Amino acid sequence: MELKDLDWPQLRRGAFRQRSAIWALVFKEFKIKIGKSRIGLFWALVEPMVGMTMMASIRWAAGNAEVNNVHIVLFVGMGFVVYNAFRSGINYIPHAINANQGLLNYPQVKPIDAIIARFIVTNWLHLLASMLLVFCVWLAIGVYPNFPDPWLCITVLVTAMALGMGVALPLTVFGTKNESIFKFIGIISMPLMILSAVVFSLNEMPQHVRQLLAWNPLVHLTEGFRHGAFGTRLFSEYNPLYPEILAIVLNGFGYALYYLYRFKLMMK
């Protein structure tokens, strides 16, 4: 089949229907995410700050006011920005199909639409919360990132979101059929945060520990974001291509898995 043989008007109509379905789901998810009152939106925005304050307080109490000449609160805060870009995806997106099961009876709505809608809402709220976090840190203690390499920071955030989506897609497929898988996500969240260099710098670690932690793609993203935000020194094993390639592979695998089980997901 050649390109000229394709029914372009029908393809455009199909794309328009899918776009309309996705945005309708986005508004639905947004209402659910923030709750029926402003308290829901407030908590969605301040939750990262609560976690940042707790972890920074632990290091402050241990006598670490600065890490790599960066105030500990700002250092930990930038780690949370990256980690939450990943964590919010794997915590929220896998429940998309179960939460919208009734809407899948409509032919216009596909399971992938619900997944994409949650991806949009999750990352929109995360970016808003991240900007609020930076503003509040500046307001409270008078420090802020000077962003010597803003493009690196943007690349890292996009990669972290894509990596979260790549992990969330298989979890969505398997978790929709077996909800006990979702419990596994909650169990690993805290240990994964510690192992992702959110509260420490890999330059503080001995070489054999750095080499072991370097297998975690989030470590490269966290350290890369701090380098773009503060100009901090990167660890010797840093490889920006590793998380990027992994994100592409996981998204490809996840979508292939979704395509294979797409009809079974609608018949749960």
Protein backbone atom coordinates (compact mmCIF):
# COMPACT_ATOMS: atom_id res chain seq x y z
CA MET A 1 0.00 0.00 0.00
CA GLU A 2 1.29 3.45 -0.95
CA LEU A 3 0.71 6.72 0.88
CA LYS A 4 -1.67 7.94 -1.82
CA ASP A 5 -3.89 4.89 -1.19
CA LEU A 6 -4.54 5.87 2.42
CA ASP A 7 -7.88 7.39 3.34
CA TRP A 8 -6.53 10.64 4.77
CA PRO A 9 -9.93 12.20 5.64
CA GLN A 10 -10.82 9.10 7.67
CA LEU A 11 -7.43 9.16 9.40
CA ARG A 12 -7.93 12.82 10.31
CA ARG A 13 -11.38 12.10 11.70
CA GLY A 14 -9.98 9.21 13.74
CA ALA A 15 -7.18 11.41 15.11
CA PHE A 16 -9.70 14.13 16.00
CA ARG A 17 -11.90 11.62 17.84
CA GLN A 18 -8.95 10.28 19.81
CA ARG A 19 -7.78 13.79 20.69
CA SER A 20 -11.27 14.69 21.89
CA ALA A 21 -11.47 11.50 23.99
CA ILE A 22 -8.05 12.16 25.55
CA TRP A 23 -8.87 15.75 26.52
CA ALA A 24 -12.23 14.71 27.95
CA LEU A 25 -10.39 12.16 30.09
CA VAL A 26 -7.79 14.79 31.05
CA PHE A 27 -10.49 17.05 32.52
CA LYS A 28 -12.05 14.06 34.30
CA GLU A 29 -8.72 12.99 35.76
CA PHE A 30 -7.92 16.54 36.79
CA LYS A 31 -11.16 16.79 38.76
CA ILE A 32 -10.46 13.46 40.46
CA LYS A 33 -6.82 14.32 41.16
CA ILE A 34 -7.54 17.60 42.93
CA GLY A 35 -10.68 16.34 44.63
CA LYS A 36 -13.94 18.16 45.04
CA SER A 37 -12.35 21.03 46.94
CA ARG A 38 -9.26 23.20 46.77
CA ILE A 39 -7.63 21.08 49.47
CA GLY A 40 -7.03 18.35 46.89
CA LEU A 41 -5.10 20.72 44.63
CA PHE A 42 -3.25 22.18 47.64
CA TRP A 43 -2.05 18.74 48.76
CA ALA A 44 -1.03 17.74 45.22
CA LEU A 45 1.22 20.81 45.11
CA VAL A 46 2.69 20.74 48.63
CA GLU A 47 3.30 16.97 48.93
CA PRO A 48 6.78 17.21 47.29
CA MET A 49 7.70 20.02 49.70
CA VAL A 50 6.72 17.91 52.70
CA GLY A 51 8.95 15.06 51.54
CA MET A 52 11.80 17.45 50.71
CA THR A 53 11.58 19.10 54.15
CA MET A 54 11.64 15.76 55.97
CA MET A 55 14.66 14.39 54.10
CA ALA A 56 16.57 17.69 54.21
CA SER A 57 15.92 17.93 57.97
CA ILE A 58 17.52 14.52 58.50
CA ARG A 59 20.72 15.60 56.75
CA TRP A 60 20.64 18.98 58.47
CA ALA A 61 20.40 17.25 61.87
CA ALA A 62 23.41 15.13 60.87
CA GLY A 63 25.43 18.32 60.42
CA ASN A 64 25.25 18.66 56.63
CA ALA A 65 24.21 22.25 55.93
CA GLU A 66 25.60 22.08 52.38
CA VAL A 67 26.41 19.44 49.77
CA ASN A 68 28.82 20.40 46.98
CA ASN A 69 28.49 24.05 48.11
CA VAL A 70 24.71 23.91 47.62
CA HIS A 71 22.30 24.50 50.50
CA ILE A 72 20.99 21.13 51.68
CA VAL A 73 17.33 22.12 51.26
CA LEU A 74 17.84 23.17 47.65
CA PHE A 75 20.09 20.16 46.97
CA VAL A 76 17.46 17.69 48.21
CA GLY A 77 14.66 19.69 46.57
CA MET A 78 16.18 19.36 43.11
CA GLY A 79 16.57 15.64 43.71
CA PHE A 80 12.88 15.42 44.53
CA VAL A 81 11.96 17.29 41.34
CA VAL A 82 13.58 14.56 39.24
CA TYR A 83 12.52 11.58 41.32
CA ASN A 84 8.89 12.71 41.55
CA ALA A 85 8.76 13.12 37.76
CA PHE A 86 9.38 9.38 37.61
CA ARG A 87 7.52 8.29 40.75
CA SER A 88 4.29 10.16 40.01
CA GLY A 89 4.09 8.30 36.71
CA ILE A 90 4.55 4.80 38.10
CA ASN A 91 2.23 5.49 41.06
CA TYR A 92 -0.67 7.04 39.14
CA ILE A 93 -0.65 5.88 35.51
CA PRO A 94 -0.95 2.08 36.12
CA HIS A 95 -4.45 2.54 37.63
CA ALA A 96 -5.73 4.36 34.53
CA ILE A 97 -7.62 1.47 32.94
CA ASN A 98 -9.24 0.25 36.15
CA ALA A 99 -10.37 3.77 37.01
CA ASN A 100 -11.95 4.29 33.58
CA GLN A 101 -13.29 0.78 32.96
CA GLY A 102 -16.88 1.99 32.54
CA LEU A 103 -15.88 4.49 29.84
CA LEU A 104 -14.22 1.76 27.77
CA ASN A 105 -17.68 0.57 26.75
CA TYR A 106 -17.83 3.58 24.46
CA PRO A 107 -16.20 2.89 21.07
CA GLN A 108 -14.55 6.34 21.04
CA VAL A 109 -12.53 5.58 24.19
CA LYS A 110 -9.52 3.25 24.05
CA PRO A 111 -7.39 2.06 26.99
CA ILE A 112 -4.40 3.99 25.65
CA ASP A 113 -6.47 7.20 25.83
CA ALA A 114 -6.88 6.76 29.59
CA ILE A 115 -3.15 6.10 29.96
CA ILE A 116 -2.17 9.19 27.96
CA ALA A 117 -4.67 11.35 29.88
CA ARG A 118 -3.15 10.32 33.21
CA PHE A 119 0.34 10.96 31.85
CA ILE A 120 -0.66 14.52 30.90
CA VAL A 121 -2.38 15.31 34.22
CA THR A 122 0.36 13.76 36.33
CA ASN A 123 3.19 15.64 34.67
CA TRP A 124 1.30 18.93 34.47
CA LEU A 125 0.72 18.85 38.23
CA HIS A 126 4.31 17.76 38.82
CA LEU A 127 5.72 20.70 36.87
CA LEU A 128 3.43 23.08 38.74
CA ALA A 129 4.48 21.59 42.09
CA SER A 130 8.17 21.82 41.10
CA MET A 131 7.90 25.52 40.28
CA LEU A 132 6.12 26.11 43.58
CA LEU A 133 8.84 24.18 45.42
CA VAL A 134 11.64 26.33 43.95
CA PHE A 135 9.69 29.52 44.71
CA CYS A 136 9.01 28.51 48.33
CA VAL A 137 12.66 27.56 48.94
CA TRP A 138 13.75 30.94 47.58
CA LEU A 139 11.14 32.71 49.73
CA ALA A 140 12.03 30.77 52.90
CA ILE A 141 15.84 30.66 52.86
CA GLY A 142 16.82 32.97 50.00
CA VAL A 143 18.57 30.41 47.79
CA TYR A 144 17.66 29.36 44.27
CA PRO A 145 19.25 27.48 41.33
CA ASN A 146 21.02 29.68 38.78
CA PHE A 147 20.58 27.11 35.97
CA PRO A 148 23.91 27.37 34.10
CA ASP A 149 22.66 24.63 31.73
CA PRO A 150 18.84 24.90 31.50
CA TRP A 151 18.66 22.69 28.41
CA LEU A 152 20.16 19.80 30.38
CA CYS A 153 17.53 20.28 33.10
CA ILE A 154 14.73 20.20 30.52
CA THR A 155 16.20 17.10 28.87
CA VAL A 156 16.48 15.34 32.23
CA LEU A 157 12.88 16.10 33.20
CA VAL A 158 11.53 14.90 29.85
CA THR A 159 13.62 11.72 30.14
CA ALA A 160 12.41 11.11 33.72
CA MET A 161 8.79 11.48 32.60
CA ALA A 162 9.37 9.18 29.62
CA LEU A 163 11.10 6.63 31.86
CA GLY A 164 8.15 6.73 34.24
CA MET A 165 5.79 6.12 31.33
CA GLY A 166 7.99 3.27 30.09
CA VAL A 167 7.79 1.52 33.46
CA ALA A 168 4.10 2.38 33.93
CA LEU A 169 2.94 0.81 30.65
CA PRO A 170 3.84 -2.81 31.54
CA LEU A 171 2.59 -2.23 35.10
CA THR A 172 -0.70 -1.00 33.65
CA VAL A 173 -1.12 -4.10 31.49
CA PHE A 174 -0.19 -6.63 34.17
CA GLY A 175 -1.71 -4.69 37.06
CA THR A 176 -5.08 -4.41 35.35
CA LYS A 177 -5.25 -8.20 35.27
CA ASN A 178 -3.66 -8.71 38.70
CA GLU A 179 -4.03 -5.78 41.09
CA SER A 180 -1.60 -7.23 43.63
CA ILE A 181 1.16 -5.91 41.36
CA PHE A 182 0.20 -2.38 42.42
CA LYS A 183 1.25 -3.17 46.00
CA PHE A 184 4.77 -3.78 44.74
CA ILE A 185 4.99 -0.16 43.54
CA GLY A 186 4.36 1.23 47.01
CA ILE A 187 6.88 -1.13 48.58
CA ILE A 188 9.78 -0.06 46.36
CA SER A 189 9.09 3.71 46.30
CA MET A 190 11.02 4.66 49.44
CA PRO A 191 14.07 2.38 48.90
CA LEU A 192 14.23 3.52 45.28
CA MET A 193 14.26 7.17 46.37
CA ILE A 194 17.23 6.51 48.65
CA LEU A 195 19.07 4.63 45.88
CA SER A 196 18.41 7.40 43.34
CA ALA A 197 20.76 9.95 44.97
CA VAL A 198 17.90 12.22 46.03
CA VAL A 199 19.44 13.01 49.43
CA PHE A 200 23.14 12.53 48.70
CA SER A 201 25.71 13.14 45.98
CA LEU A 202 27.43 10.22 44.30
CA ASN A 203 30.70 12.12 44.67
CA GLU A 204 30.39 11.42 48.41
CA MET A 205 30.37 7.67 47.76
CA PRO A 206 33.39 5.37 47.30
CA GLN A 207 34.07 4.13 43.78
CA HIS A 208 32.66 0.61 44.22
CA VAL A 209 29.38 2.06 45.56
CA ARG A 210 29.19 4.55 42.67
CA GLN A 211 29.69 1.78 40.13
CA LEU A 212 26.88 -0.22 41.71
CA LEU A 213 24.44 2.71 41.96
CA ALA A 214 25.24 3.75 38.39
CA TRP A 215 23.06 0.86 37.17
CA ASN A 216 20.08 2.87 38.43
CA PRO A 217 19.11 5.23 35.56
CA LEU A 218 17.55 7.70 38.00
CA VAL A 219 20.98 8.38 39.50
CA HIS A 220 22.20 9.77 36.16
CA LEU A 221 19.07 11.91 35.85
CA THR A 222 19.30 13.28 39.40
CA GLU A 223 22.98 14.16 39.13
CA GLY A 224 22.50 15.55 35.62
CA PHE A 225 19.67 17.82 36.77
CA ARG A 226 21.76 19.17 39.65
CA HIS A 227 24.64 19.81 37.26
CA GLY A 228 22.30 21.79 35.00
CA ALA A 229 20.76 23.64 37.96
CA PHE A 230 23.88 24.41 40.03
CA GLY A 231 26.90 23.43 37.94
CA THR A 232 27.87 20.73 40.46
CA ARG A 233 30.55 18.22 39.53
CA LEU A 234 29.31 15.04 37.81
CA PHE A 235 30.44 11.64 39.03
CA SER A 236 32.90 9.74 36.83
CA GLU A 237 30.39 7.03 35.78
CA TYR A 238 27.79 9.58 34.59
CA ASN A 239 26.21 8.61 31.25
CA PRO A 240 23.24 10.70 30.01
CA LEU A 241 22.49 8.29 27.16
CA TYR A 242 21.83 5.35 29.49
CA PRO A 243 18.46 6.57 30.89
CA GLU A 244 17.45 8.01 27.51
CA ILE A 245 17.98 4.72 25.66
CA LEU A 246 16.34 2.78 28.48
CA ALA A 247 13.29 5.08 28.32
CA ILE A 248 12.94 4.48 24.56
CA VAL A 249 13.30 0.70 24.95
CA LEU A 250 10.82 0.50 27.85
CA ASN A 251 8.23 2.62 26.05
CA GLY A 252 8.57 0.47 22.94
CA PHE A 253 8.23 -2.71 24.97
CA GLY A 254 5.34 -1.29 26.99
CA TYR A 255 3.38 -0.21 23.94
CA ALA A 256 3.98 -3.57 22.23
CA LEU A 257 2.66 -5.27 25.35
CA TYR A 258 -0.35 -2.98 25.43
CA TYR A 259 -1.07 -3.63 21.75
CA LEU A 260 -0.93 -7.37 22.35
CA TYR A 261 -3.40 -7.26 25.27
CA ARG A 262 -5.50 -4.24 24.26
CA PHE A 263 -8.73 -6.21 23.70
CA LYS A 264 -8.34 -8.22 26.91
CA LEU A 265 -7.88 -4.99 28.85
CA MET A 266 -11.28 -3.79 27.68
CA MET A 267 -12.94 -7.08 28.59
CA LYS A 268 -11.84 -7.19 32.22
